[in-house]
């Protein structure tokens, strides 16, 4: 990976591997467990918004923002661990999916619509 962003992701992957290795957690990091952990972490992010009214979403307090940011970090790190274990280049998977979405949801058919064209 050539750009600075990719290099920082590579560095984060190495740090995650070291973190797990130091704690002997690699034994638990199979694809099933990591996918379940990812779903759990996404659920914890979702729980931060439980019972919020739509108008409250624009005025999130700093403590709420800090909790949300921590949950986003958990989701990101778990997804990164899953992709690493599965041998998936996360940036390439994202680029590829974005291109597929461009083909599947052309602007002229999807503009302003929530449903699939």
Protein backbone atom coordinates (compact mmCIF):
# COMPACT_ATOMS: atom_id res chain seq x y z
CA UNK A 1 0.00 0.00 0.00
CA UNK A 2 1.51 3.25 -1.11
CA UNK A 3 -0.27 6.27 0.32
CA UNK A 4 0.09 7.63 3.86
CA UNK A 5 -3.42 6.56 4.83
CA UNK A 6 -2.78 2.99 3.78
CA UNK A 7 0.53 3.03 5.63
CA UNK A 8 -1.19 4.17 8.81
CA UNK A 9 -3.76 1.39 8.41
CA UNK A 10 -0.94 -1.10 7.96
CA UNK A 11 0.69 0.24 11.12
CA UNK A 12 -2.61 -0.10 12.99
CA UNK A 13 -2.99 -3.70 11.79
CA UNK A 14 0.49 -4.49 13.10
CA UNK A 15 -0.36 -2.84 16.44
CA UNK A 16 -3.60 -4.86 16.65
CA UNK A 17 -1.73 -8.08 15.97
CA UNK A 18 0.79 -7.24 18.68
CA UNK A 19 -1.98 -6.30 21.13
CA UNK A 20 -3.71 -9.67 20.61
CA UNK A 21 -0.44 -11.62 20.68
CA UNK A 22 0.64 -10.02 23.99
CA UNK A 23 -2.61 -11.17 25.58
CA UNK A 24 -2.71 -14.58 23.90
CA UNK A 25 -6.01 -13.63 22.32
CA UNK A 26 -5.12 -14.80 18.81
CA UNK A 27 -6.64 -18.16 19.71
CA UNK A 28 -10.05 -16.48 19.92
CA UNK A 29 -9.72 -14.41 16.76
CA UNK A 30 -11.19 -16.77 14.19
CA UNK A 31 -13.61 -15.44 11.59
CA UNK A 32 -16.71 -16.63 13.45
CA UNK A 33 -15.72 -14.97 16.71
CA UNK A 34 -14.57 -11.79 15.01
CA UNK A 35 -17.79 -11.52 12.99
CA UNK A 36 -19.81 -12.00 16.18
CA UNK A 37 -17.68 -9.39 17.95
CA UNK A 38 -18.24 -7.00 15.05
CA UNK A 39 -22.01 -7.42 15.31
CA UNK A 40 -21.80 -6.88 19.09
CA UNK A 41 -19.72 -3.73 18.73
CA UNK A 42 -22.09 -2.37 16.06
CA UNK A 43 -24.96 -3.06 18.47
CA UNK A 44 -23.19 -1.08 21.18
CA UNK A 45 -22.84 1.84 18.76
CA UNK A 46 -26.53 1.60 17.91
CA UNK A 47 -27.43 1.53 21.61
CA UNK A 48 -25.91 5.02 22.01
CA UNK A 49 -28.79 6.33 19.89
CA UNK A 50 -31.56 4.37 21.59
CA UNK A 51 -34.47 6.55 22.62
CA UNK A 52 -33.01 9.70 21.05
CA UNK A 53 -35.50 11.82 19.17
CA UNK A 54 -34.50 12.97 15.68
CA UNK A 55 -34.09 16.59 16.81
CA UNK A 56 -31.61 15.49 19.50
CA UNK A 57 -29.22 14.01 16.94
CA UNK A 58 -28.02 17.48 15.92
CA UNK A 59 -27.20 18.48 19.50
CA UNK A 60 -25.18 15.56 20.85
CA UNK A 61 -23.39 16.50 24.06
CA UNK A 62 -19.64 16.12 24.43
CA UNK A 63 -19.97 13.10 26.78
CA UNK A 64 -22.35 11.45 24.27
CA UNK A 65 -19.95 12.24 21.43
CA UNK A 66 -17.05 10.71 23.39
CA UNK A 67 -19.03 7.50 23.99
CA UNK A 68 -20.05 7.34 20.32
CA UNK A 69 -16.46 7.90 19.22
CA UNK A 70 -15.29 5.07 21.50
CA UNK A 71 -17.90 2.73 20.01
CA UNK A 72 -16.90 3.74 16.47
CA UNK A 73 -13.33 2.91 17.43
CA UNK A 74 -14.41 -0.53 18.67
CA UNK A 75 -16.31 -1.20 15.43
CA UNK A 76 -13.38 -0.05 13.32
CA UNK A 77 -10.75 -2.07 15.19
CA UNK A 78 -12.91 -5.20 15.14
CA UNK A 79 -13.61 -4.80 11.42
CA UNK A 80 -9.91 -4.25 10.79
CA UNK A 81 -9.07 -7.40 12.76
CA UNK A 82 -11.70 -9.39 10.84
CA UNK A 83 -10.41 -8.16 7.47
CA UNK A 84 -6.83 -8.89 8.47
CA UNK A 85 -7.69 -12.43 9.57
CA UNK A 86 -9.71 -13.01 6.36
CA UNK A 87 -6.93 -11.65 4.16
CA UNK A 88 -9.13 -8.81 2.92
CA UNK A 89 -7.58 -5.49 1.95
CA UNK A 90 -10.10 -3.22 3.63
CA UNK A 91 -9.34 -0.19 1.47
CA UNK A 92 -9.61 -2.22 -1.73
CA UNK A 93 -12.86 -3.84 -0.55
CA UNK A 94 -14.26 -0.38 0.16
CA UNK A 95 -13.16 1.02 -3.20
CA UNK A 96 -14.57 -1.99 -5.02
CA UNK A 97 -17.91 -1.77 -3.19
CA UNK A 98 -18.18 1.96 -3.88
CA UNK A 99 -17.69 1.31 -7.59
CA UNK A 100 -20.33 -1.44 -7.52
CA UNK A 101 -22.72 0.94 -5.73
CA UNK A 102 -22.09 3.58 -8.42
CA UNK A 103 -23.12 1.05 -11.07
CA UNK A 104 -26.10 -0.27 -9.09
CA UNK A 105 -27.42 3.12 -7.99
CA UNK A 106 -26.87 5.60 -10.83
CA UNK A 107 -27.62 9.19 -9.88
CA UNK A 108 -30.40 9.56 -12.44
CA UNK A 109 -32.31 6.65 -10.85
CA UNK A 110 -31.37 7.02 -7.20
CA UNK A 111 -31.26 10.78 -6.59
CA UNK A 112 -33.19 11.59 -3.41
CA UNK A 113 -34.68 8.11 -3.08
CA UNK A 114 -34.18 5.79 -0.11
CA UNK A 115 -35.48 2.69 -1.89
CA UNK A 116 -33.51 0.74 -4.46
CA UNK A 117 -34.00 1.83 -8.08
